[in-house]
Amino acid sequence: MKIKKYLLYVIGLGLLGASMAGCGKVQNNLSQLQNTYFEVVDKDMNNNKVNSKELVSNLKELKFEKIKGASVLVDSQDENGNTQKSYNTSNYSFKNDNEVFEVSYIDKNNKEENLDKIDSVSYILNKENADDIYLNVYYANSGDEAGTLNIGVYPESVEEQKKLVNIINGKKEISDIYEVYYKIAQSIEDDSKMSLSDIENILEGKKLKKSDDYSDENTDLSLYLYSKDGLNMNIVYNEKEGKCQDILLEDNESYEVSLCYYKDGDSGIQLWKKNSSLKEQGKIVSKLVRQRGI
């Protein structure tokens, strides 16, 4: 088993006007595209349709592109047992400088010009003067009342990653395993040695569990596991060099922030959080935007 490599994939000027009346309150410090994201999601969660023709009309000043989506398989069940059905998506993408707003509609016949069943909505803020993602805000219509809401952020360093966790959590007390994560991640960033006994000392004598089913082309690498407070920490360790190579701190039980630092590979430093509500997601985005001065 290889350690999971997490990357939050998601594949206008002015609010949506009178057609969006009745949507949830917007945040004063958010851009118009950011507010549009929350308005559209709020409408969809409350079973109010936002059709594609209306969307294009209200965001007509923005750069627009319609992209054919991939076929999606959905599990369904009838009186004869489990079956599978598939559907296509059409992605309506709007861009303004380093912002991208996208609504993915379910497109059953791939010919309709006026779609109204939303599959997902996303807002992406790229880093300045680059195509690399800084912030990714995402909603998927999962069929239940809350839907699926996630935020992903791609910082440049452990220091920035720690700052973002503090911004998101505010004054909320969090597990001390985050501090353990930061120390190990910093050793990866500094390319410095850290023995397994050093890590166990940071864990106040708690022992790491070595995984028996981890495999990698580099036979010097091993996977060590530790869990606390509903958080699972996975450490890929180079036995020969005495260094940590990758670390993942993942929340599996609640709505805590998950983190990873991978030495090699694109987007190796990440932070992501599942949101309990659209209101919570909006507050977090507002905090992140405010601290970045955008």
C-alpha atoms as a PDB file:
ATOM      1  CA  MET A   1       0.000   0.000   0.000  1.00  0.00           C
ATOM      2  CA  LYS A   2       1.395   3.355  -0.988  1.00  0.00           C
ATOM      3  CA  ILE A   3       0.774   6.481   1.028  1.00  0.00           C
ATOM      4  CA  LYS A   4      -2.064   8.404  -0.575  1.00  0.00           C
ATOM      5  CA  LYS A   5      -0.998  11.391  -2.653  1.00  0.00           C
ATOM      6  CA  TYR A   6      -3.653  14.030  -2.094  1.00  0.00           C
ATOM      7  CA  LEU A   7      -4.364  16.694  -4.639  1.00  0.00           C
ATOM      8  CA  LEU A   8      -7.734  18.378  -4.672  1.00  0.00           C
ATOM      9  CA  TYR A   9      -8.635  18.188  -8.345  1.00  0.00           C
ATOM     10  CA  VAL A  10     -11.592  20.098  -9.699  1.00  0.00           C
ATOM     11  CA  ILE A  11     -11.804  20.126 -12.957  1.00  0.00           C
ATOM     12  CA  GLY A  12     -18.567  37.327 -13.437  1.00  0.00           C
ATOM     13  CA  LEU A  13     -18.164  40.669 -13.046  1.00  0.00           C
ATOM     14  CA  GLY A  14     -21.184  41.429 -10.930  1.00  0.00           C
ATOM     15  CA  LEU A  15     -23.559  39.282  -8.948  1.00  0.00           C
ATOM     16  CA  LEU A  16     -26.229  37.269 -10.652  1.00  0.00           C
ATOM     17  CA  GLY A  17     -28.633  40.141 -10.166  1.00  0.00           C
ATOM     18  CA  ALA A  18     -32.335  39.855  -9.590  1.00  0.00           C
ATOM     19  CA  SER A  19     -32.330  36.238 -10.695  1.00  0.00           C
ATOM     20  CA  MET A  20     -30.357  35.362  -7.560  1.00  0.00           C
ATOM     21  CA  ALA A  21     -32.725  37.070  -5.130  1.00  0.00           C
ATOM     22  CA  GLY A  22     -33.267  35.080  -1.967  1.00  0.00           C
ATOM     23  CA  CYS A  23     -29.742  33.654  -1.833  1.00  0.00           C
ATOM     24  CA  GLY A  24     -27.748  33.566   1.385  1.00  0.00           C
ATOM     25  CA  LYS A  25     -25.890  36.657   2.563  1.00  0.00           C
ATOM     26  CA  VAL A  26     -22.574  37.351   0.845  1.00  0.00           C
ATOM     27  CA  GLN A  27     -19.329  38.378   2.507  1.00  0.00           C
ATOM     28  CA  ASN A  28     -18.400  42.041   2.052  1.00  0.00           C
ATOM     29  CA  ASN A  29     -14.705  41.355   1.505  1.00  0.00           C
ATOM     30  CA  LEU A  30     -15.144  38.701  -1.178  1.00  0.00           C
ATOM     31  CA  SER A  31     -14.740  39.320  -4.888  1.00  0.00           C
ATOM     32  CA  GLN A  32     -17.779  39.181  -7.127  1.00  0.00           C
ATOM     33  CA  LEU A  33     -16.812  35.787  -8.534  1.00  0.00           C
ATOM     34  CA  GLN A  34     -16.337  34.422  -5.019  1.00  0.00           C
ATOM     35  CA  ASN A  35     -19.748  35.720  -4.035  1.00  0.00           C
ATOM     36  CA  THR A  36     -21.214  34.210  -7.206  1.00  0.00           C
ATOM     37  CA  TYR A  37     -19.896  30.811  -6.126  1.00  0.00           C
ATOM     38  CA  PHE A  38     -21.709  31.051  -2.777  1.00  0.00           C
ATOM     39  CA  GLU A  39     -24.903  32.345  -4.356  1.00  0.00           C
ATOM     40  CA  VAL A  40     -25.075  29.498  -6.877  1.00  0.00           C
ATOM     41  CA  VAL A  41     -24.309  26.838  -4.255  1.00  0.00           C
ATOM     42  CA  ASP A  42     -26.853  28.323  -1.864  1.00  0.00           C
ATOM     43  CA  LYS A  43     -29.530  28.185  -4.550  1.00  0.00           C
ATOM     44  CA  ASP A  44     -28.706  24.598  -5.482  1.00  0.00           C
ATOM     45  CA  MET A  45     -28.709  23.452  -1.850  1.00  0.00           C
ATOM     46  CA  ASN A  46     -32.162  25.010  -1.469  1.00  0.00           C
ATOM     47  CA  ASN A  47     -33.483  23.323  -4.638  1.00  0.00           C
ATOM     48  CA  ASN A  48     -33.637  26.570  -6.609  1.00  0.00           C
ATOM     49  CA  LYS A  49     -32.414  26.096 -10.159  1.00  0.00           C
ATOM     50  CA  VAL A  50     -29.667  28.140 -11.809  1.00  0.00           C
ATOM     51  CA  ASN A  51     -29.873  27.267 -15.495  1.00  0.00           C
ATOM     52  CA  SER A  52     -26.871  27.483 -17.788  1.00  0.00           C
ATOM     53  CA  LYS A  53     -28.400  30.002 -20.194  1.00  0.00           C
ATOM     54  CA  GLU A  54     -29.131  32.404 -17.341  1.00  0.00           C
ATOM     55  CA  LEU A  55     -25.650  31.901 -15.920  1.00  0.00           C
ATOM     56  CA  VAL A  56     -23.942  32.776 -19.200  1.00  0.00           C
ATOM     57  CA  SER A  57     -26.163  35.811 -19.688  1.00  0.00           C
ATOM     58  CA  ASN A  58     -25.431  37.236 -16.234  1.00  0.00           C
ATOM     59  CA  LEU A  59     -21.685  36.666 -16.543  1.00  0.00           C
ATOM     60  CA  LYS A  60     -21.431  37.745 -20.186  1.00  0.00           C
ATOM     61  CA  GLU A  61     -18.567  40.200 -19.544  1.00  0.00           C
ATOM     62  CA  LEU A  62     -16.270  37.392 -18.429  1.00  0.00           C
ATOM     63  CA  LYS A  63     -14.156  35.085 -20.540  1.00  0.00           C
ATOM     64  CA  PHE A  64     -16.355  32.013 -21.002  1.00  0.00           C
ATOM     65  CA  GLU A  65     -15.611  28.487 -22.102  1.00  0.00           C
ATOM     66  CA  LYS A  66     -17.896  25.455 -22.276  1.00  0.00           C
ATOM     67  CA  ILE A  67     -16.032  22.208 -21.740  1.00  0.00           C
ATOM     68  CA  LYS A  68     -17.433  18.756 -22.304  1.00  0.00           C
ATOM     69  CA  GLY A  69     -17.101  16.777 -19.090  1.00  0.00           C
ATOM     70  CA  ALA A  70     -16.297  13.143 -18.548  1.00  0.00           C
ATOM     71  CA  SER A  71     -18.840  10.355 -18.277  1.00  0.00           C
ATOM     72  CA  VAL A  72     -19.649   9.683 -14.630  1.00  0.00           C
ATOM     73  CA  LEU A  73     -20.839   6.351 -13.250  1.00  0.00           C
ATOM     74  CA  VAL A  74     -23.419   6.420 -10.477  1.00  0.00           C
ATOM     75  CA  ASP A  75     -24.540   3.483  -8.351  1.00  0.00           C
ATOM     76  CA  SER A  76     -28.308   3.032  -8.267  1.00  0.00           C
ATOM     77  CA  GLN A  77     -30.581   0.360  -6.912  1.00  0.00           C
ATOM     78  CA  ASP A  78     -33.972  -0.899  -8.004  1.00  0.00           C
ATOM     79  CA  GLU A  79     -36.220  -3.832  -7.109  1.00  0.00           C
ATOM     80  CA  ASN A  80     -33.991  -6.125  -9.166  1.00  0.00           C
ATOM     81  CA  GLY A  81     -30.810  -5.253  -7.254  1.00  0.00           C
ATOM     82  CA  ASN A  82     -27.823  -2.997  -7.870  1.00  0.00           C
ATOM     83  CA  THR A  83     -27.251  -1.470 -11.301  1.00  0.00           C
ATOM     84  CA  GLN A  84     -25.033   1.272 -12.701  1.00  0.00           C
ATOM     85  CA  LYS A  85     -25.990   4.218 -14.836  1.00  0.00           C
ATOM     86  CA  SER A  86     -23.863   6.926 -16.367  1.00  0.00           C
ATOM     87  CA  TYR A  87     -24.215  10.568 -17.323  1.00  0.00           C
ATOM     88  CA  ASN A  88     -22.112  13.237 -19.009  1.00  0.00           C
ATOM     89  CA  THR A  89     -21.345  16.712 -17.724  1.00  0.00           C
ATOM     90  CA  SER A  90     -20.934  20.088 -19.394  1.00  0.00           C
ATOM     91  CA  ASN A  91     -18.649  22.474 -17.545  1.00  0.00           C
ATOM     92  CA  TYR A  92     -19.347  26.200 -17.792  1.00  0.00           C
ATOM     93  CA  SER A  93     -16.095  27.980 -16.943  1.00  0.00           C
ATOM     94  CA  PHE A  94     -15.711  31.746 -16.344  1.00  0.00           C
ATOM     95  CA  LYS A  95     -12.357  33.460 -15.880  1.00  0.00           C
ATOM     96  CA  ASN A  96     -11.372  36.875 -14.546  1.00  0.00           C
ATOM     97  CA  ASP A  97      -7.626  37.486 -14.201  1.00  0.00           C
ATOM     98  CA  ASN A  98      -6.404  34.821 -11.752  1.00  0.00           C
ATOM     99  CA  GLU A  99      -9.905  33.659 -10.751  1.00  0.00           C
ATOM    100  CA  VAL A 100     -11.827  30.758 -12.277  1.00  0.00           C
ATOM    101  CA  PHE A 101     -15.459  29.961 -11.498  1.00  0.00           C
ATOM    102  CA  GLU A 102     -16.972  26.777 -12.871  1.00  0.00           C
ATOM    103  CA  VAL A 103     -20.380  25.129 -12.777  1.00  0.00           C
ATOM    104  CA  SER A 104     -20.618  21.525 -13.934  1.00  0.00           C
ATOM    105  CA  TYR A 105     -24.077  20.588 -15.201  1.00  0.00           C
ATOM    106  CA  ILE A 106     -25.429  17.101 -15.773  1.00  0.00           C
ATOM    107  CA  ASP A 107     -25.954  16.799 -19.521  1.00  0.00           C
ATOM    108  CA  LYS A 108     -27.922  13.676 -20.424  1.00  0.00           C
ATOM    109  CA  ASN A 109     -28.058  14.141 -24.162  1.00  0.00           C
ATOM    110  CA  ASN A 110     -25.085  16.500 -24.595  1.00  0.00           C
ATOM    111  CA  LYS A 111     -27.187  18.756 -26.855  1.00  0.00           C
ATOM    112  CA  GLU A 112     -29.174  20.899 -24.450  1.00  0.00           C
ATOM    113  CA  GLU A 113     -28.323  24.583 -24.341  1.00  0.00           C
ATOM    114  CA  ASN A 114     -30.297  25.271 -21.182  1.00  0.00           C
ATOM    115  CA  LEU A 115     -29.130  22.878 -18.463  1.00  0.00           C
ATOM    116  CA  ASP A 116     -30.332  23.232 -14.892  1.00  0.00           C
ATOM    117  CA  LYS A 117     -29.200  20.180 -12.880  1.00  0.00           C
ATOM    118  CA  ILE A 118     -25.910  20.970 -11.160  1.00  0.00           C
ATOM    119  CA  ASP A 119     -23.316  18.281 -10.532  1.00  0.00           C
ATOM    120  CA  SER A 120     -20.649  20.486  -8.900  1.00  0.00           C
ATOM    121  CA  VAL A 121     -19.510  24.099  -8.460  1.00  0.00           C
ATOM    122  CA  SER A 122     -15.947  25.307  -7.916  1.00  0.00           C
ATOM    123  CA  TYR A 123     -14.015  28.508  -7.421  1.00  0.00           C
ATOM    124  CA  ILE A 124     -10.248  28.613  -7.965  1.00  0.00           C
ATOM    125  CA  LEU A 125      -7.891  31.438  -7.092  1.00  0.00           C
ATOM    126  CA  ASN A 126      -4.497  31.042  -8.736  1.00  0.00           C
ATOM    127  CA  LYS A 127      -1.283  32.392  -7.278  1.00  0.00           C
ATOM    128  CA  GLU A 128      -0.178  35.783  -8.566  1.00  0.00           C
ATOM    129  CA  ASN A 129       1.317  35.699 -12.062  1.00  0.00           C
ATOM    130  CA  ALA A 130       1.079  31.911 -12.197  1.00  0.00           C
ATOM    131  CA  ASP A 131      -1.263  29.096 -13.131  1.00  0.00           C
ATOM    132  CA  ASP A 132      -0.564  27.299  -9.857  1.00  0.00           C
ATOM    133  CA  ILE A 133      -3.584  27.061  -7.569  1.00  0.00           C
ATOM    134  CA  TYR A 134      -3.575  28.895  -4.249  1.00  0.00           C
ATOM    135  CA  LEU A 135      -7.193  28.367  -3.140  1.00  0.00           C
ATOM    136  CA  ASN A 136      -9.762  25.835  -4.310  1.00  0.00           C
ATOM    137  CA  VAL A 137     -13.346  26.025  -3.009  1.00  0.00           C
ATOM    138  CA  TYR A 138     -15.600  23.154  -4.040  1.00  0.00           C
ATOM    139  CA  TYR A 139     -19.186  21.916  -3.794  1.00  0.00           C
ATOM    140  CA  ALA A 140     -20.622  18.654  -5.123  1.00  0.00           C
ATOM    141  CA  ASN A 141     -24.303  17.862  -5.245  1.00  0.00           C
ATOM    142  CA  SER A 142     -24.200  14.531  -3.433  1.00  0.00           C
ATOM    143  CA  GLY A 143     -27.968  14.179  -3.250  1.00  0.00           C
ATOM    144  CA  ASP A 144     -28.306  14.930   0.454  1.00  0.00           C
ATOM    145  CA  GLU A 145     -29.233  18.213   2.095  1.00  0.00           C
ATOM    146  CA  ALA A 146     -25.692  19.341   2.917  1.00  0.00           C
ATOM    147  CA  GLY A 147     -23.943  18.250  -0.266  1.00  0.00           C
ATOM    148  CA  THR A 148     -20.173  17.925  -0.196  1.00  0.00           C
ATOM    149  CA  LEU A 149     -18.187  21.045   0.644  1.00  0.00           C
ATOM    150  CA  ASN A 150     -14.388  21.279   0.647  1.00  0.00           C
ATOM    151  CA  ILE A 151     -11.629  23.872   0.767  1.00  0.00           C
ATOM    152  CA  GLY A 152      -8.073  23.249  -0.428  1.00  0.00           C
ATOM    153  CA  VAL A 153      -5.098  25.597  -0.055  1.00  0.00           C
ATOM    154  CA  TYR A 154      -1.609  25.213  -1.529  1.00  0.00           C
ATOM    155  CA  PRO A 155       0.963  27.095   0.585  1.00  0.00           C
ATOM    156  CA  GLU A 156       4.656  27.549  -0.197  1.00  0.00           C
ATOM    157  CA  SER A 157       6.197  26.486   3.110  1.00  0.00           C
ATOM    158  CA  VAL A 158       5.582  24.809   6.450  1.00  0.00           C
ATOM    159  CA  GLU A 159       5.514  28.253   8.063  1.00  0.00           C
ATOM    160  CA  GLU A 160       2.719  29.401   5.752  1.00  0.00           C
ATOM    161  CA  GLN A 161       0.888  26.093   6.214  1.00  0.00           C
ATOM    162  CA  LYS A 162       0.932  26.559  10.006  1.00  0.00           C
ATOM    163  CA  LYS A 163      -0.278  30.157   9.675  1.00  0.00           C
ATOM    164  CA  LEU A 164      -3.201  29.031   7.524  1.00  0.00           C
ATOM    165  CA  VAL A 165      -4.245  26.362  10.039  1.00  0.00           C
ATOM    166  CA  ASN A 166      -4.284  29.017  12.771  1.00  0.00           C
ATOM    167  CA  ILE A 167      -6.360  31.358  10.582  1.00  0.00           C
ATOM    168  CA  ILE A 168      -8.895  28.646   9.781  1.00  0.00           C
ATOM    169  CA  ASN A 169      -9.240  27.412  13.354  1.00  0.00           C
ATOM    170  CA  GLY A 170      -9.152  30.827  15.020  1.00  0.00           C
ATOM    171  CA  LYS A 171      -9.220  30.417  18.782  1.00  0.00           C
ATOM    172  CA  LYS A 172     -10.389  26.817  18.614  1.00  0.00           C
ATOM    173  CA  GLU A 173      -8.174  24.414  20.542  1.00  0.00           C
ATOM    174  CA  ILE A 174      -6.658  21.785  18.265  1.00  0.00           C
ATOM    175  CA  SER A 175      -4.780  18.542  18.832  1.00  0.00           C
ATOM    176  CA  ASP A 176      -1.100  18.781  19.729  1.00  0.00           C
ATOM    177  CA  ILE A 177      -0.398  16.284  16.954  1.00  0.00           C
ATOM    178  CA  TYR A 178      -0.356  19.297  14.605  1.00  0.00           C
ATOM    179  CA  GLU A 179       2.806  20.528  16.347  1.00  0.00           C
ATOM    180  CA  VAL A 180       4.353  17.100  15.807  1.00  0.00           C
ATOM    181  CA  TYR A 181       3.430  17.332  12.141  1.00  0.00           C
ATOM    182  CA  TYR A 182       5.042  20.783  11.801  1.00  0.00           C
ATOM    183  CA  LYS A 183       8.351  19.585  13.277  1.00  0.00           C
ATOM    184  CA  ILE A 184       8.515  16.571  10.969  1.00  0.00           C
ATOM    185  CA  ALA A 185       7.430  18.602   7.928  1.00  0.00           C
ATOM    186  CA  GLN A 186      10.074  21.211   8.736  1.00  0.00           C
ATOM    187  CA  SER A 187      12.752  18.507   8.735  1.00  0.00           C
ATOM    188  CA  ILE A 188      11.569  17.497   5.243  1.00  0.00           C
ATOM    189  CA  GLU A 189      11.667  21.100   4.068  1.00  0.00           C
ATOM    190  CA  ASP A 190      15.170  21.566   5.533  1.00  0.00           C
ATOM    191  CA  ASP A 191      16.310  18.167   4.216  1.00  0.00           C
ATOM    192  CA  SER A 192      17.650  17.423   7.710  1.00  0.00           C
ATOM    193  CA  LYS A 193      18.060  14.109   9.468  1.00  0.00           C
ATOM    194  CA  MET A 194      15.477  12.983  12.038  1.00  0.00           C
ATOM    195  CA  SER A 195      15.681   9.542  13.591  1.00  0.00           C
ATOM    196  CA  LEU A 196      12.653   7.440  14.435  1.00  0.00           C
ATOM    197  CA  SER A 197      13.574   7.770  18.113  1.00  0.00           C
ATOM    198  CA  ASP A 198      13.587  11.574  17.684  1.00  0.00           C
ATOM    199  CA  ILE A 199      10.027  11.365  16.361  1.00  0.00           C
ATOM    200  CA  GLU A 200       8.931   9.104  19.219  1.00  0.00           C
ATOM    201  CA  ASN A 201      10.458  11.563  21.687  1.00  0.00           C
ATOM    202  CA  ILE A 202       8.361  14.335  20.141  1.00  0.00           C
ATOM    203  CA  LEU A 203       5.383  12.012  20.605  1.00  0.00           C
ATOM    204  CA  GLU A 204       6.309  11.783  24.309  1.00  0.00           C
ATOM    205  CA  GLY A 205       7.429   8.178  24.085  1.00  0.00           C
ATOM    206  CA  LYS A 206       4.522   6.904  21.979  1.00  0.00           C
ATOM    207  CA  LYS A 207       5.646   4.255  19.508  1.00  0.00           C
ATOM    208  CA  LEU A 208       5.221   4.448  15.751  1.00  0.00           C
ATOM    209  CA  LYS A 209       3.676   1.464  14.007  1.00  0.00           C
ATOM    210  CA  LYS A 210       5.490   0.198  10.935  1.00  0.00           C
ATOM    211  CA  SER A 211       3.208  -0.785   8.055  1.00  0.00           C
ATOM    212  CA  ASP A 212       3.746  -4.305   6.721  1.00  0.00           C
ATOM    213  CA  ASP A 213       1.999  -3.738   3.392  1.00  0.00           C
ATOM    214  CA  TYR A 214       3.793  -0.609   2.142  1.00  0.00           C
ATOM    215  CA  SER A 215       5.760  -0.932  -1.090  1.00  0.00           C
ATOM    216  CA  ASP A 216       7.812   1.475  -3.161  1.00  0.00           C
ATOM    217  CA  GLU A 217      10.384   1.263  -5.940  1.00  0.00           C
ATOM    218  CA  ASN A 218      12.880   2.653  -3.442  1.00  0.00           C
ATOM    219  CA  THR A 219      13.394  -0.233  -1.014  1.00  0.00           C
ATOM    220  CA  ASP A 220      14.952   2.136   1.542  1.00  0.00           C
ATOM    221  CA  LEU A 221      11.523   3.669   2.196  1.00  0.00           C
ATOM    222  CA  SER A 222       9.164   2.487   4.942  1.00  0.00           C
ATOM    223  CA  LEU A 223       5.773   3.703   6.116  1.00  0.00           C
ATOM    224  CA  TYR A 224       5.132   4.473   9.794  1.00  0.00           C
ATOM    225  CA  LEU A 225       1.699   5.170  11.285  1.00  0.00           C
ATOM    226  CA  TYR A 226       0.385   7.034  14.316  1.00  0.00           C
ATOM    227  CA  SER A 227      -3.164   8.055  15.327  1.00  0.00           C
ATOM    228  CA  LYS A 228      -4.532  10.504  17.884  1.00  0.00           C
ATOM    229  CA  ASP A 229      -7.708  12.564  18.355  1.00  0.00           C
ATOM    230  CA  GLY A 230      -9.276  11.202  15.165  1.00  0.00           C
ATOM    231  CA  LEU A 231      -6.209  12.180  13.115  1.00  0.00           C
ATOM    232  CA  ASN A 232      -4.032   9.673  11.282  1.00  0.00           C
ATOM    233  CA  MET A 233      -0.383  10.526  10.652  1.00  0.00           C
ATOM    234  CA  ASN A 234       1.482   8.618   7.921  1.00  0.00           C
ATOM    235  CA  ILE A 235       5.245   9.097   7.619  1.00  0.00           C
ATOM    236  CA  VAL A 236       7.313   7.813   4.713  1.00  0.00           C
ATOM    237  CA  TYR A 237      10.805   7.351   6.147  1.00  0.00           C
ATOM    238  CA  ASN A 238      14.123   6.773   4.373  1.00  0.00           C
ATOM    239  CA  GLU A 239      15.821   4.151   6.532  1.00  0.00           C
ATOM    240  CA  LYS A 240      19.182   4.498   4.785  1.00  0.00           C
ATOM    241  CA  GLU A 241      19.411   8.295   4.976  1.00  0.00           C
ATOM    242  CA  GLY A 242      17.682   8.666   8.341  1.00  0.00           C
ATOM    243  CA  LYS A 243      15.253  11.262   6.989  1.00  0.00           C
ATOM    244  CA  CYS A 244      11.519  11.699   6.624  1.00  0.00           C
ATOM    245  CA  GLN A 245      10.455  11.911   2.982  1.00  0.00           C
ATOM    246  CA  ASP A 246       6.676  12.475   3.122  1.00  0.00           C
ATOM    247  CA  ILE A 247       4.121  13.153   5.825  1.00  0.00           C
ATOM    248  CA  LEU A 248       0.337  13.133   5.790  1.00  0.00           C
ATOM    249  CA  LEU A 249      -1.914  14.205   8.670  1.00  0.00           C
ATOM    250  CA  GLU A 250      -5.467  13.258   7.749  1.00  0.00           C
ATOM    251  CA  ASP A 251      -8.756  13.772   9.526  1.00  0.00           C
ATOM    252  CA  ASN A 252     -11.078  10.790   9.144  1.00  0.00           C
ATOM    253  CA  GLU A 253     -13.667  11.381  11.849  1.00  0.00           C
ATOM    254  CA  SER A 254     -14.764  15.023  12.006  1.00  0.00           C
ATOM    255  CA  TYR A 255     -14.095  18.331  10.239  1.00  0.00           C
ATOM    256  CA  GLU A 256     -10.498  19.034  11.238  1.00  0.00           C
ATOM    257  CA  VAL A 257      -7.844  20.380   8.870  1.00  0.00           C
ATOM    258  CA  SER A 258      -5.811  17.767   6.980  1.00  0.00           C
ATOM    259  CA  LEU A 259      -2.220  18.471   5.927  1.00  0.00           C
ATOM    260  CA  CYS A 260       0.507  16.954   3.801  1.00  0.00           C
ATOM    261  CA  TYR A 261       4.103  17.679   2.865  1.00  0.00           C
ATOM    262  CA  TYR A 262       5.593  15.624   0.041  1.00  0.00           C
ATOM    263  CA  LYS A 263       9.236  16.159  -0.776  1.00  0.00           C
ATOM    264  CA  ASP A 264       8.896  15.314  -4.450  1.00  0.00           C
ATOM    265  CA  GLY A 265       6.100  16.043  -6.879  1.00  0.00           C
ATOM    266  CA  ASP A 266       3.892  18.981  -7.795  1.00  0.00           C
ATOM    267  CA  SER A 267       1.729  20.653  -5.143  1.00  0.00           C
ATOM    268  CA  GLY A 268       3.661  18.849  -2.435  1.00  0.00           C
ATOM    269  CA  ILE A 269       2.466  21.156   0.345  1.00  0.00           C
ATOM    270  CA  GLN A 270      -1.288  21.114   0.895  1.00  0.00           C
ATOM    271  CA  LEU A 271      -4.021  21.899   3.369  1.00  0.00           C
ATOM    272  CA  TRP A 272      -7.636  20.826   2.979  1.00  0.00           C
ATOM    273  CA  LYS A 273     -10.799  20.767   5.041  1.00  0.00           C
ATOM    274  CA  LYS A 274     -14.243  19.282   4.670  1.00  0.00           C
ATOM    275  CA  ASN A 275     -16.840  21.876   5.634  1.00  0.00           C
ATOM    276  CA  SER A 276     -19.854  21.153   7.819  1.00  0.00           C
ATOM    277  CA  SER A 277     -21.967  23.859   6.153  1.00  0.00           C
ATOM    278  CA  LEU A 278     -21.898  26.529   3.455  1.00  0.00           C
ATOM    279  CA  LYS A 279     -21.848  29.157   6.203  1.00  0.00           C
ATOM    280  CA  GLU A 280     -18.659  27.678   7.652  1.00  0.00           C
ATOM    281  CA  GLN A 281     -17.091  27.475   4.205  1.00  0.00           C
ATOM    282  CA  GLY A 282     -17.916  31.134   3.582  1.00  0.00           C
ATOM    283  CA  LYS A 283     -16.374  32.255   6.873  1.00  0.00           C
ATOM    284  CA  ILE A 284     -13.147  30.366   6.147  1.00  0.00           C
ATOM    285  CA  VAL A 285     -12.866  31.749   2.614  1.00  0.00           C
ATOM    286  CA  SER A 286     -13.466  35.245   3.985  1.00  0.00           C
ATOM    287  CA  LYS A 287     -10.626  34.772   6.505  1.00  0.00           C
ATOM    288  CA  LEU A 288      -8.225  33.457   3.879  1.00  0.00           C
ATOM    289  CA  VAL A 289      -9.012  36.240   1.444  1.00  0.00           C
ATOM    290  CA  ARG A 290      -8.651  38.904   4.129  1.00  0.00           C
ATOM    291  CA  GLN A 291      -5.252  37.667   5.328  1.00  0.00           C
ATOM    292  CA  ARG A 292      -3.946  37.512   1.753  1.00  0.00           C
ATOM    293  CA  GLY A 293      -5.115  41.037   1.027  1.00  0.00           C
ATOM    294  CA  ILE A 294      -7.207  40.127  -2.014  1.00  0.00           C
END
